[in-house]
N, C-alpha and C. Protein backbone atom coordinates (compact mmCIF):
# COMPACT_ATOMS: atom_id res chain seq x y z
N MET A 1 -76.49 -69.24 122.17
CA MET A 1 -76.41 -68.48 120.89
C MET A 1 -77.17 -69.19 119.85
N GLU A 2 -77.88 -68.50 119.04
CA GLU A 2 -78.58 -68.98 117.83
C GLU A 2 -78.10 -68.21 116.69
N VAL A 3 -77.90 -68.94 115.58
CA VAL A 3 -77.45 -68.26 114.33
C VAL A 3 -78.34 -68.70 113.11
N PHE A 4 -78.76 -67.91 112.23
CA PHE A 4 -79.54 -68.17 111.05
C PHE A 4 -79.06 -67.25 109.96
N ILE A 5 -79.36 -67.80 108.75
CA ILE A 5 -79.10 -67.00 107.53
C ILE A 5 -80.42 -67.02 106.81
N PRO A 6 -81.15 -65.95 107.00
CA PRO A 6 -82.52 -65.86 106.65
C PRO A 6 -82.54 -65.43 105.03
N SER A 7 -81.59 -64.76 104.68
CA SER A 7 -81.55 -64.36 103.24
C SER A 7 -80.16 -64.06 102.70
N PHE A 8 -80.14 -63.77 101.33
CA PHE A 8 -79.03 -63.28 100.64
C PHE A 8 -79.35 -62.40 99.57
N ARG A 9 -78.34 -61.79 99.06
CA ARG A 9 -78.66 -60.85 97.90
C ARG A 9 -77.42 -60.76 97.02
N SER A 10 -77.65 -60.50 95.84
CA SER A 10 -76.59 -60.11 94.77
C SER A 10 -76.09 -58.81 94.81
N GLU A 11 -74.82 -58.59 94.75
CA GLU A 11 -74.14 -57.26 94.69
C GLU A 11 -73.51 -57.12 93.11
N GLU A 12 -73.72 -56.12 92.60
CA GLU A 12 -72.91 -55.86 91.45
C GLU A 12 -71.98 -54.66 91.63
N SER A 13 -70.82 -54.76 91.10
CA SER A 13 -69.75 -53.78 91.12
C SER A 13 -69.01 -53.47 89.96
N ASP A 14 -68.69 -52.27 89.67
CA ASP A 14 -67.87 -52.04 88.36
C ASP A 14 -66.32 -52.49 88.52
N LEU A 15 -65.90 -52.54 89.74
CA LEU A 15 -64.58 -52.91 90.01
C LEU A 15 -64.41 -54.43 89.91
N GLU A 16 -65.47 -55.22 90.26
CA GLU A 16 -65.16 -56.56 90.33
C GLU A 16 -66.41 -57.31 89.77
N ARG A 17 -66.27 -58.71 89.60
CA ARG A 17 -67.42 -59.46 89.23
C ARG A 17 -68.49 -59.42 90.35
N GLY A 18 -69.68 -59.75 90.01
CA GLY A 18 -70.82 -59.74 90.98
C GLY A 18 -70.56 -60.83 92.05
N TYR A 19 -71.15 -60.60 93.11
CA TYR A 19 -70.95 -61.48 94.24
C TYR A 19 -72.23 -61.54 95.26
N THR A 20 -72.36 -62.50 96.01
CA THR A 20 -73.47 -62.64 96.90
C THR A 20 -73.21 -62.39 98.31
N VAL A 21 -73.94 -61.73 98.98
CA VAL A 21 -73.84 -61.26 100.27
C VAL A 21 -75.00 -62.03 101.15
N PHE A 22 -74.45 -62.77 102.23
CA PHE A 22 -75.41 -63.59 103.13
C PHE A 22 -75.66 -62.62 104.31
N LYS A 23 -76.99 -62.64 104.58
CA LYS A 23 -77.47 -62.01 105.81
C LYS A 23 -77.46 -62.87 107.18
N ILE A 24 -76.72 -62.78 108.07
CA ILE A 24 -76.73 -63.66 109.28
C ILE A 24 -77.34 -62.88 110.43
N GLU A 25 -78.40 -63.81 110.98
CA GLU A 25 -79.16 -63.18 112.09
C GLU A 25 -78.42 -63.90 113.32
N VAL A 26 -78.07 -63.17 114.36
CA VAL A 26 -77.45 -63.73 115.56
C VAL A 26 -78.31 -63.30 116.71
N LEU A 27 -78.71 -64.27 117.44
CA LEU A 27 -79.40 -64.15 118.70
C LEU A 27 -78.50 -64.51 119.90
N THR A 28 -78.28 -63.61 120.73
CA THR A 28 -77.49 -63.92 121.89
C THR A 28 -77.86 -63.02 123.03
N SER A 29 -77.94 -63.70 124.22
CA SER A 29 -78.36 -63.01 125.56
C SER A 29 -79.62 -62.26 125.41
N GLY A 30 -80.58 -62.71 124.65
CA GLY A 30 -81.90 -61.99 124.39
C GLY A 30 -81.77 -60.88 123.39
N ARG A 31 -80.69 -60.70 122.74
CA ARG A 31 -80.54 -59.64 121.59
C ARG A 31 -80.43 -60.20 120.38
N LYS A 32 -80.86 -59.43 119.35
CA LYS A 32 -80.69 -59.85 117.98
C LYS A 32 -79.95 -58.92 117.20
N HIS A 33 -78.97 -59.38 116.33
CA HIS A 33 -78.46 -58.33 115.31
C HIS A 33 -78.06 -59.04 114.08
N PHE A 34 -77.81 -58.29 113.14
CA PHE A 34 -77.56 -58.87 111.81
C PHE A 34 -76.18 -58.62 111.32
N VAL A 35 -75.52 -59.46 110.68
CA VAL A 35 -74.20 -59.28 109.99
C VAL A 35 -74.29 -59.77 108.59
N GLU A 36 -73.64 -58.94 107.65
CA GLU A 36 -73.65 -59.51 106.31
C GLU A 36 -72.18 -59.97 105.82
N LYS A 37 -72.09 -61.00 105.35
CA LYS A 37 -70.84 -61.51 105.08
C LYS A 37 -70.88 -62.30 103.59
N ARG A 38 -69.82 -62.06 102.86
CA ARG A 38 -69.57 -62.85 101.52
C ARG A 38 -69.06 -64.32 101.76
N TYR A 39 -69.20 -65.12 100.75
CA TYR A 39 -68.70 -66.49 100.91
C TYR A 39 -67.23 -66.45 101.27
N SER A 40 -66.46 -65.51 100.64
CA SER A 40 -65.03 -65.52 100.87
C SER A 40 -64.67 -65.26 102.31
N GLU A 41 -65.58 -64.60 103.06
CA GLU A 41 -65.22 -64.46 104.51
C GLU A 41 -65.60 -65.57 105.21
N PHE A 42 -66.66 -66.37 104.71
CA PHE A 42 -66.94 -67.70 105.53
C PHE A 42 -65.72 -68.49 105.19
N HIS A 43 -65.11 -68.58 104.01
CA HIS A 43 -64.00 -69.53 103.61
C HIS A 43 -62.85 -69.23 104.52
N ALA A 44 -62.66 -67.90 104.67
CA ALA A 44 -61.45 -67.45 105.58
C ALA A 44 -61.66 -67.84 107.08
N LEU A 45 -62.95 -67.71 107.54
CA LEU A 45 -63.11 -68.20 108.89
C LEU A 45 -63.01 -69.71 108.98
N HIS A 46 -63.41 -70.31 108.08
CA HIS A 46 -63.17 -71.86 108.03
C HIS A 46 -61.76 -72.22 108.13
N LYS A 47 -60.93 -71.49 107.31
CA LYS A 47 -59.44 -71.82 107.51
C LYS A 47 -58.90 -71.56 108.70
N LYS A 48 -59.21 -70.36 109.42
CA LYS A 48 -58.82 -70.08 110.86
C LYS A 48 -59.46 -71.12 111.89
N LEU A 49 -60.62 -71.41 111.65
CA LEU A 49 -61.25 -72.32 112.68
C LEU A 49 -60.63 -73.73 112.68
N LYS A 50 -60.27 -74.23 111.44
CA LYS A 50 -59.65 -75.57 111.34
C LYS A 50 -58.38 -75.68 112.26
N LYS A 51 -57.69 -74.58 112.54
CA LYS A 51 -56.39 -74.54 113.30
C LYS A 51 -56.78 -74.87 114.82
N CYS A 52 -58.02 -74.45 115.29
CA CYS A 52 -58.24 -74.56 116.71
C CYS A 52 -59.38 -75.45 117.11
N ILE A 53 -60.28 -75.76 116.16
CA ILE A 53 -61.46 -76.82 116.54
C ILE A 53 -61.60 -77.74 115.34
N LYS A 54 -62.49 -78.76 115.75
CA LYS A 54 -62.97 -79.65 114.73
C LYS A 54 -64.22 -78.93 113.96
N THR A 55 -63.86 -78.69 112.67
CA THR A 55 -64.93 -77.92 111.92
C THR A 55 -65.81 -78.81 111.23
N PRO A 56 -67.06 -78.33 110.96
CA PRO A 56 -68.04 -79.11 110.07
C PRO A 56 -67.75 -79.11 108.66
N GLU A 57 -68.32 -79.69 107.81
CA GLU A 57 -68.06 -79.57 106.30
C GLU A 57 -68.57 -78.24 105.83
N MET A 58 -67.77 -77.62 104.92
CA MET A 58 -68.01 -76.40 104.43
C MET A 58 -68.55 -76.53 102.94
N PRO A 59 -69.69 -75.77 102.63
CA PRO A 59 -70.13 -75.94 101.27
C PRO A 59 -69.13 -75.52 100.31
N SER A 60 -69.23 -76.07 99.13
CA SER A 60 -68.21 -75.97 98.07
C SER A 60 -67.94 -74.50 97.72
N LYS A 61 -66.67 -74.24 97.46
CA LYS A 61 -66.25 -72.93 97.04
C LYS A 61 -66.64 -72.56 95.62
N HIS A 62 -66.60 -73.50 94.85
CA HIS A 62 -66.84 -73.33 93.47
C HIS A 62 -68.36 -73.71 93.11
N VAL A 63 -68.93 -72.72 92.47
CA VAL A 63 -70.39 -73.01 92.10
C VAL A 63 -70.35 -72.68 90.65
N ARG A 64 -70.89 -73.52 89.84
CA ARG A 64 -70.87 -73.50 88.39
C ARG A 64 -72.09 -72.47 87.96
N ASN A 65 -73.09 -72.53 88.69
CA ASN A 65 -74.35 -71.90 88.06
C ASN A 65 -74.91 -70.98 89.26
N TRP A 66 -75.02 -69.66 88.92
CA TRP A 66 -75.48 -68.64 89.94
C TRP A 66 -76.98 -68.50 89.86
N VAL A 67 -77.67 -69.52 89.71
CA VAL A 67 -79.18 -69.42 89.79
C VAL A 67 -79.67 -69.38 91.30
N PRO A 68 -80.81 -68.87 91.44
CA PRO A 68 -81.40 -68.92 92.80
C PRO A 68 -81.29 -70.26 93.48
N LYS A 69 -81.81 -71.22 92.82
CA LYS A 69 -81.85 -72.53 93.48
C LYS A 69 -80.43 -72.88 94.07
N VAL A 70 -79.27 -72.71 93.32
CA VAL A 70 -78.04 -73.08 93.77
C VAL A 70 -77.55 -72.13 94.90
N LEU A 71 -77.90 -70.86 94.76
CA LEU A 71 -77.52 -69.92 95.96
C LEU A 71 -78.42 -70.25 97.25
N GLU A 72 -79.53 -70.75 97.13
CA GLU A 72 -80.18 -71.08 98.20
C GLU A 72 -79.64 -72.32 98.85
N GLN A 73 -79.29 -73.32 98.06
CA GLN A 73 -78.49 -74.43 98.62
C GLN A 73 -77.28 -73.94 99.46
N ARG A 74 -76.50 -73.12 98.79
CA ARG A 74 -75.32 -72.54 99.47
C ARG A 74 -75.62 -71.81 100.75
N ARG A 75 -76.75 -71.07 100.83
CA ARG A 75 -77.28 -70.44 102.13
C ARG A 75 -77.54 -71.47 102.99
N GLN A 76 -78.16 -72.50 102.71
CA GLN A 76 -78.63 -73.50 103.78
C GLN A 76 -77.28 -74.32 104.34
N GLY A 77 -76.47 -74.50 103.35
CA GLY A 77 -75.19 -75.09 103.86
C GLY A 77 -74.34 -74.19 104.68
N LEU A 78 -74.29 -72.88 104.46
CA LEU A 78 -73.52 -71.99 105.42
C LEU A 78 -74.33 -71.82 106.70
N GLU A 79 -75.52 -71.77 106.61
CA GLU A 79 -76.40 -71.82 107.95
C GLU A 79 -76.11 -73.00 108.74
N ALA A 80 -76.05 -74.08 108.06
CA ALA A 80 -75.86 -75.46 108.91
C ALA A 80 -74.42 -75.43 109.38
N TYR A 81 -73.58 -74.81 108.54
CA TYR A 81 -72.13 -74.88 109.06
C TYR A 81 -71.93 -74.05 110.30
N LEU A 82 -72.62 -72.75 110.36
CA LEU A 82 -72.56 -71.89 111.54
C LEU A 82 -73.26 -72.59 112.77
N GLN A 83 -74.33 -73.16 112.51
CA GLN A 83 -75.07 -73.75 113.72
C GLN A 83 -74.41 -74.92 114.25
N SER A 84 -73.64 -75.68 113.37
CA SER A 84 -72.79 -76.74 113.75
C SER A 84 -71.77 -76.40 114.61
N VAL A 85 -71.02 -75.40 114.34
CA VAL A 85 -70.06 -74.77 115.07
C VAL A 85 -70.43 -74.42 116.57
N VAL A 86 -71.67 -73.68 116.50
CA VAL A 86 -72.30 -73.31 117.94
C VAL A 86 -72.64 -74.52 118.62
N ILE A 87 -73.24 -75.60 118.03
CA ILE A 87 -73.76 -76.80 118.81
C ILE A 87 -72.52 -77.57 119.29
N GLU A 88 -71.46 -77.75 118.37
CA GLU A 88 -70.46 -78.75 118.69
C GLU A 88 -69.34 -78.31 119.60
N ASN A 89 -69.29 -76.92 120.05
CA ASN A 89 -68.26 -76.32 120.84
C ASN A 89 -68.78 -75.79 122.06
N GLU A 90 -68.23 -76.24 123.17
CA GLU A 90 -68.63 -75.81 124.54
C GLU A 90 -68.30 -74.36 124.75
N GLU A 91 -67.19 -73.99 124.40
CA GLU A 91 -66.75 -72.54 124.44
C GLU A 91 -66.51 -72.19 122.90
N LEU A 92 -67.13 -70.99 122.38
CA LEU A 92 -66.92 -70.71 121.09
C LEU A 92 -65.66 -69.90 120.86
N PRO A 93 -64.95 -70.10 119.85
CA PRO A 93 -63.61 -69.58 119.70
C PRO A 93 -63.80 -68.07 119.43
N LYS A 94 -62.82 -67.11 119.91
CA LYS A 94 -62.91 -65.81 119.61
C LYS A 94 -62.97 -65.28 118.18
N ILE A 95 -62.34 -66.09 117.27
CA ILE A 95 -62.45 -65.81 115.93
C ILE A 95 -63.99 -65.96 115.32
N PHE A 96 -64.59 -66.98 115.86
CA PHE A 96 -66.09 -67.20 115.54
C PHE A 96 -66.89 -65.91 116.01
N LEU A 97 -66.61 -65.62 117.33
CA LEU A 97 -67.51 -64.48 117.81
C LEU A 97 -67.16 -63.17 117.18
N ASP A 98 -65.87 -62.97 116.73
CA ASP A 98 -65.56 -61.72 116.13
C ASP A 98 -66.25 -61.84 114.65
N PHE A 99 -66.24 -62.79 114.04
CA PHE A 99 -66.94 -63.09 112.75
C PHE A 99 -68.30 -62.50 112.85
N LEU A 100 -68.94 -62.88 113.85
CA LEU A 100 -70.48 -62.61 114.12
C LEU A 100 -70.70 -61.41 114.84
N ASN A 101 -69.62 -60.63 115.05
CA ASN A 101 -69.73 -59.29 115.79
C ASN A 101 -70.35 -59.39 117.15
N VAL A 102 -70.06 -60.49 117.81
CA VAL A 102 -70.46 -60.90 119.25
C VAL A 102 -69.30 -60.39 120.21
N ARG A 103 -69.76 -59.60 121.28
CA ARG A 103 -68.86 -59.33 122.27
C ARG A 103 -68.54 -60.71 122.94
N HIS A 104 -67.36 -60.96 123.30
CA HIS A 104 -67.05 -62.33 124.02
C HIS A 104 -66.64 -62.05 125.47
N TRP A 105 -67.13 -62.92 126.35
CA TRP A 105 -66.85 -62.88 127.71
C TRP A 105 -66.12 -64.17 128.07
N PRO A 106 -64.73 -64.20 128.24
CA PRO A 106 -63.99 -65.51 128.33
C PRO A 106 -64.58 -66.30 129.61
N SER A 107 -65.08 -65.64 130.55
CA SER A 107 -65.45 -66.42 131.68
C SER A 107 -66.92 -67.08 131.66
N LEU A 108 -67.60 -66.61 130.64
CA LEU A 108 -69.02 -67.07 130.46
C LEU A 108 -69.14 -68.29 129.57
N PRO A 109 -69.40 -69.35 130.11
CA PRO A 109 -69.56 -70.60 129.15
C PRO A 109 -70.80 -70.45 128.38
N LYS A 110 -70.75 -71.24 127.37
CA LYS A 110 -71.91 -71.08 126.30
C LYS A 110 -73.22 -71.52 127.00
N ALA A 111 -73.06 -72.49 127.91
CA ALA A 111 -74.40 -73.01 128.57
C ALA A 111 -75.11 -71.94 129.29
N GLU A 112 -74.29 -70.93 129.76
CA GLU A 112 -75.14 -69.90 130.51
C GLU A 112 -75.93 -69.01 129.54
N SER A 113 -75.47 -69.00 128.34
CA SER A 113 -76.28 -68.09 127.31
C SER A 113 -77.46 -68.63 126.97
N TYR A 114 -77.73 -69.89 127.28
CA TYR A 114 -79.01 -70.60 127.04
C TYR A 114 -79.94 -70.61 128.26
N GLY A 115 -79.26 -70.04 129.37
CA GLY A 115 -80.01 -69.90 130.68
C GLY A 115 -80.19 -71.13 131.37
N SER A 116 -79.17 -72.12 131.25
CA SER A 116 -79.29 -73.46 131.88
C SER A 116 -78.05 -73.60 132.70
N PHE A 117 -78.28 -74.45 133.91
CA PHE A 117 -77.14 -74.63 134.80
C PHE A 117 -77.10 -76.18 134.94
N ASP A 118 -75.83 -76.60 135.08
CA ASP A 118 -75.74 -78.01 135.54
C ASP A 118 -75.49 -77.96 137.06
N GLU A 119 -75.45 -79.26 137.68
CA GLU A 119 -75.51 -79.10 139.15
C GLU A 119 -74.43 -78.38 139.87
N THR A 120 -73.16 -78.47 139.41
CA THR A 120 -71.97 -77.85 139.82
C THR A 120 -72.20 -76.44 139.74
N GLU A 121 -72.70 -75.94 138.69
CA GLU A 121 -72.90 -74.35 138.59
C GLU A 121 -73.89 -74.02 139.63
N LEU A 122 -75.02 -74.71 139.72
CA LEU A 122 -75.99 -74.25 140.69
C LEU A 122 -75.55 -74.33 142.06
N GLU A 123 -74.72 -75.32 142.39
CA GLU A 123 -74.21 -75.47 143.83
C GLU A 123 -73.33 -74.18 143.93
N GLU A 124 -72.51 -73.81 143.10
CA GLU A 124 -71.54 -72.69 143.23
C GLU A 124 -72.36 -71.44 143.39
N SER A 125 -73.37 -71.19 142.63
CA SER A 125 -74.07 -69.98 142.43
C SER A 125 -74.84 -69.77 143.79
N SER A 126 -75.25 -70.91 144.60
CA SER A 126 -75.97 -70.84 145.69
C SER A 126 -75.21 -70.56 146.97
N LYS A 127 -73.87 -70.64 146.76
CA LYS A 127 -73.02 -70.38 148.09
C LYS A 127 -73.06 -68.86 148.35
N LEU A 128 -72.97 -68.61 149.65
CA LEU A 128 -72.86 -67.09 150.04
C LEU A 128 -71.50 -66.63 149.69
N SER A 129 -71.82 -65.30 149.01
CA SER A 129 -70.55 -64.60 148.57
C SER A 129 -70.35 -63.48 149.56
N HIS A 130 -70.99 -63.39 150.74
CA HIS A 130 -70.63 -62.24 151.68
C HIS A 130 -70.47 -62.64 153.09
N GLN A 131 -69.99 -62.00 153.96
CA GLN A 131 -69.76 -62.23 155.25
C GLN A 131 -71.14 -62.23 156.10
N PRO A 132 -71.24 -62.96 157.08
CA PRO A 132 -72.51 -62.97 158.03
C PRO A 132 -72.75 -61.58 158.67
N VAL A 133 -73.99 -61.28 158.94
CA VAL A 133 -74.31 -59.96 159.25
C VAL A 133 -74.80 -60.00 160.68
N LEU A 134 -74.56 -59.04 161.57
CA LEU A 134 -74.97 -59.08 162.90
C LEU A 134 -76.37 -58.61 163.03
N LEU A 135 -77.29 -59.54 163.80
CA LEU A 135 -78.72 -59.21 163.71
C LEU A 135 -79.20 -58.96 165.14
N PHE A 136 -80.21 -58.27 165.38
CA PHE A 136 -80.87 -58.17 166.69
C PHE A 136 -82.25 -58.75 166.65
N LEU A 137 -82.70 -59.21 167.74
CA LEU A 137 -84.08 -59.71 167.71
C LEU A 137 -84.98 -58.70 167.90
N ARG A 138 -84.66 -57.52 168.28
CA ARG A 138 -85.51 -56.24 168.33
C ARG A 138 -84.78 -55.09 168.18
N ASP A 139 -85.41 -54.03 167.65
CA ASP A 139 -84.70 -52.81 167.53
C ASP A 139 -84.45 -51.97 168.94
N PRO A 140 -83.32 -51.97 169.47
CA PRO A 140 -83.13 -51.36 170.66
C PRO A 140 -83.52 -49.89 170.82
N TYR A 141 -83.67 -49.26 169.71
CA TYR A 141 -83.92 -47.77 169.70
C TYR A 141 -85.50 -47.69 169.65
N VAL A 142 -86.28 -48.56 169.11
CA VAL A 142 -87.76 -48.35 168.90
C VAL A 142 -88.52 -48.97 170.18
N LEU A 143 -88.13 -50.14 170.50
CA LEU A 143 -88.83 -50.76 171.69
C LEU A 143 -88.22 -50.42 172.90
N PRO A 144 -89.08 -50.08 174.00
CA PRO A 144 -88.44 -49.85 175.30
C PRO A 144 -87.61 -51.14 175.95
N ALA A 145 -86.81 -50.83 176.75
CA ALA A 145 -85.93 -51.88 177.46
C ALA A 145 -86.90 -52.52 178.41
N ALA A 146 -86.75 -53.77 178.67
CA ALA A 146 -87.59 -54.45 179.79
C ALA A 146 -87.57 -53.77 181.06
N ASN A 147 -86.41 -53.29 181.51
CA ASN A 147 -86.29 -52.49 182.73
C ASN A 147 -85.45 -51.26 182.43
N ASP A 148 -86.12 -50.14 182.43
CA ASP A 148 -85.52 -48.83 182.04
C ASP A 148 -84.43 -48.41 183.14
N ASP A 149 -84.42 -49.01 184.39
CA ASP A 149 -83.53 -48.59 185.34
C ASP A 149 -82.26 -49.25 185.12
N VAL A 150 -82.16 -50.33 184.46
CA VAL A 150 -80.94 -51.09 184.24
C VAL A 150 -80.82 -51.19 182.78
N PRO A 151 -79.66 -50.41 182.13
CA PRO A 151 -79.51 -50.56 180.76
C PRO A 151 -78.93 -51.96 180.32
N ASN A 152 -79.15 -52.29 179.19
CA ASN A 152 -78.62 -53.55 178.59
C ASN A 152 -77.23 -53.23 178.09
N VAL A 153 -76.24 -53.55 179.06
CA VAL A 153 -74.81 -53.29 178.67
C VAL A 153 -74.34 -54.02 177.44
N VAL A 154 -74.78 -55.22 177.25
CA VAL A 154 -74.36 -55.99 176.03
C VAL A 154 -74.72 -55.22 174.76
N ILE A 155 -76.08 -55.03 174.62
CA ILE A 155 -76.61 -54.25 173.36
C ILE A 155 -75.91 -52.97 173.16
N GLU A 156 -75.84 -52.13 174.25
CA GLU A 156 -75.11 -50.78 174.09
C GLU A 156 -73.73 -50.93 173.64
N GLY A 157 -72.97 -52.08 174.24
CA GLY A 157 -71.61 -52.18 173.89
C GLY A 157 -71.42 -52.67 172.44
N VAL A 158 -72.28 -53.43 171.96
CA VAL A 158 -72.27 -53.88 170.64
C VAL A 158 -72.56 -52.80 169.65
N LEU A 159 -73.63 -52.14 169.91
CA LEU A 159 -74.04 -50.97 169.16
C LEU A 159 -73.04 -49.94 169.06
N HIS A 160 -72.35 -49.62 170.17
CA HIS A 160 -71.25 -48.71 170.21
C HIS A 160 -70.14 -49.15 169.40
N GLY A 161 -69.74 -50.33 169.53
CA GLY A 161 -68.62 -50.91 168.78
C GLY A 161 -68.84 -50.99 167.32
N VAL A 162 -70.23 -51.32 166.86
CA VAL A 162 -70.45 -51.50 165.34
C VAL A 162 -70.59 -50.18 164.73
N PHE A 163 -71.35 -49.12 165.46
CA PHE A 163 -71.63 -47.97 164.81
C PHE A 163 -70.64 -46.86 165.10
N TYR A 164 -69.90 -47.00 166.21
CA TYR A 164 -68.98 -45.85 166.62
C TYR A 164 -67.69 -46.34 167.05
N PRO A 165 -67.07 -47.33 166.24
CA PRO A 165 -65.71 -47.82 166.69
C PRO A 165 -64.68 -46.72 166.93
N HIS A 166 -64.70 -45.76 166.41
CA HIS A 166 -63.70 -44.71 166.47
C HIS A 166 -63.91 -44.03 167.82
N LEU A 167 -65.00 -44.19 168.57
CA LEU A 167 -65.14 -43.49 169.93
C LEU A 167 -64.93 -44.36 170.92
N GLN A 168 -63.82 -45.04 170.99
CA GLN A 168 -63.38 -46.01 172.14
C GLN A 168 -63.33 -45.27 173.44
N THR A 169 -64.04 -45.84 174.44
CA THR A 169 -63.81 -45.23 175.84
C THR A 169 -62.82 -45.94 176.50
N SER A 170 -62.04 -45.26 177.28
CA SER A 170 -60.92 -45.88 178.01
C SER A 170 -61.29 -46.21 179.44
């Protein structure tokens, strides 16, 4: 999973003071989507994450000056925060995935989303997950038998048992 914050914008409202919305770009499993969040939502996420993982440092909540340079620094800080959470955690917490609107698969480790395997995963994935199959060296229906006078009782018995088990002869 990769996370970036490419931009931000200011929102004005009659009901409350103006605020900034950060546009988060999320790349996961070859798909990209965007989520918009306010700083207060990042702060709430940080408080929840602190209860379950070691969290990186969060950019300051209080900003004295709302000039673009200061907002750009906050954007960079929030982007670094999200990227640190992704890099530092083997399994990403459900709270974090919900924040980014990512469907979570509990059995899917983060490493698989990068397309890499360690040796144990590779060994497990190469093991057969099915039962052995009965094979014939030649197709008994296409090729003629070596001696048409004497039928091959073994092949006929196996074919009869595999394909017609319900027609058991007594």
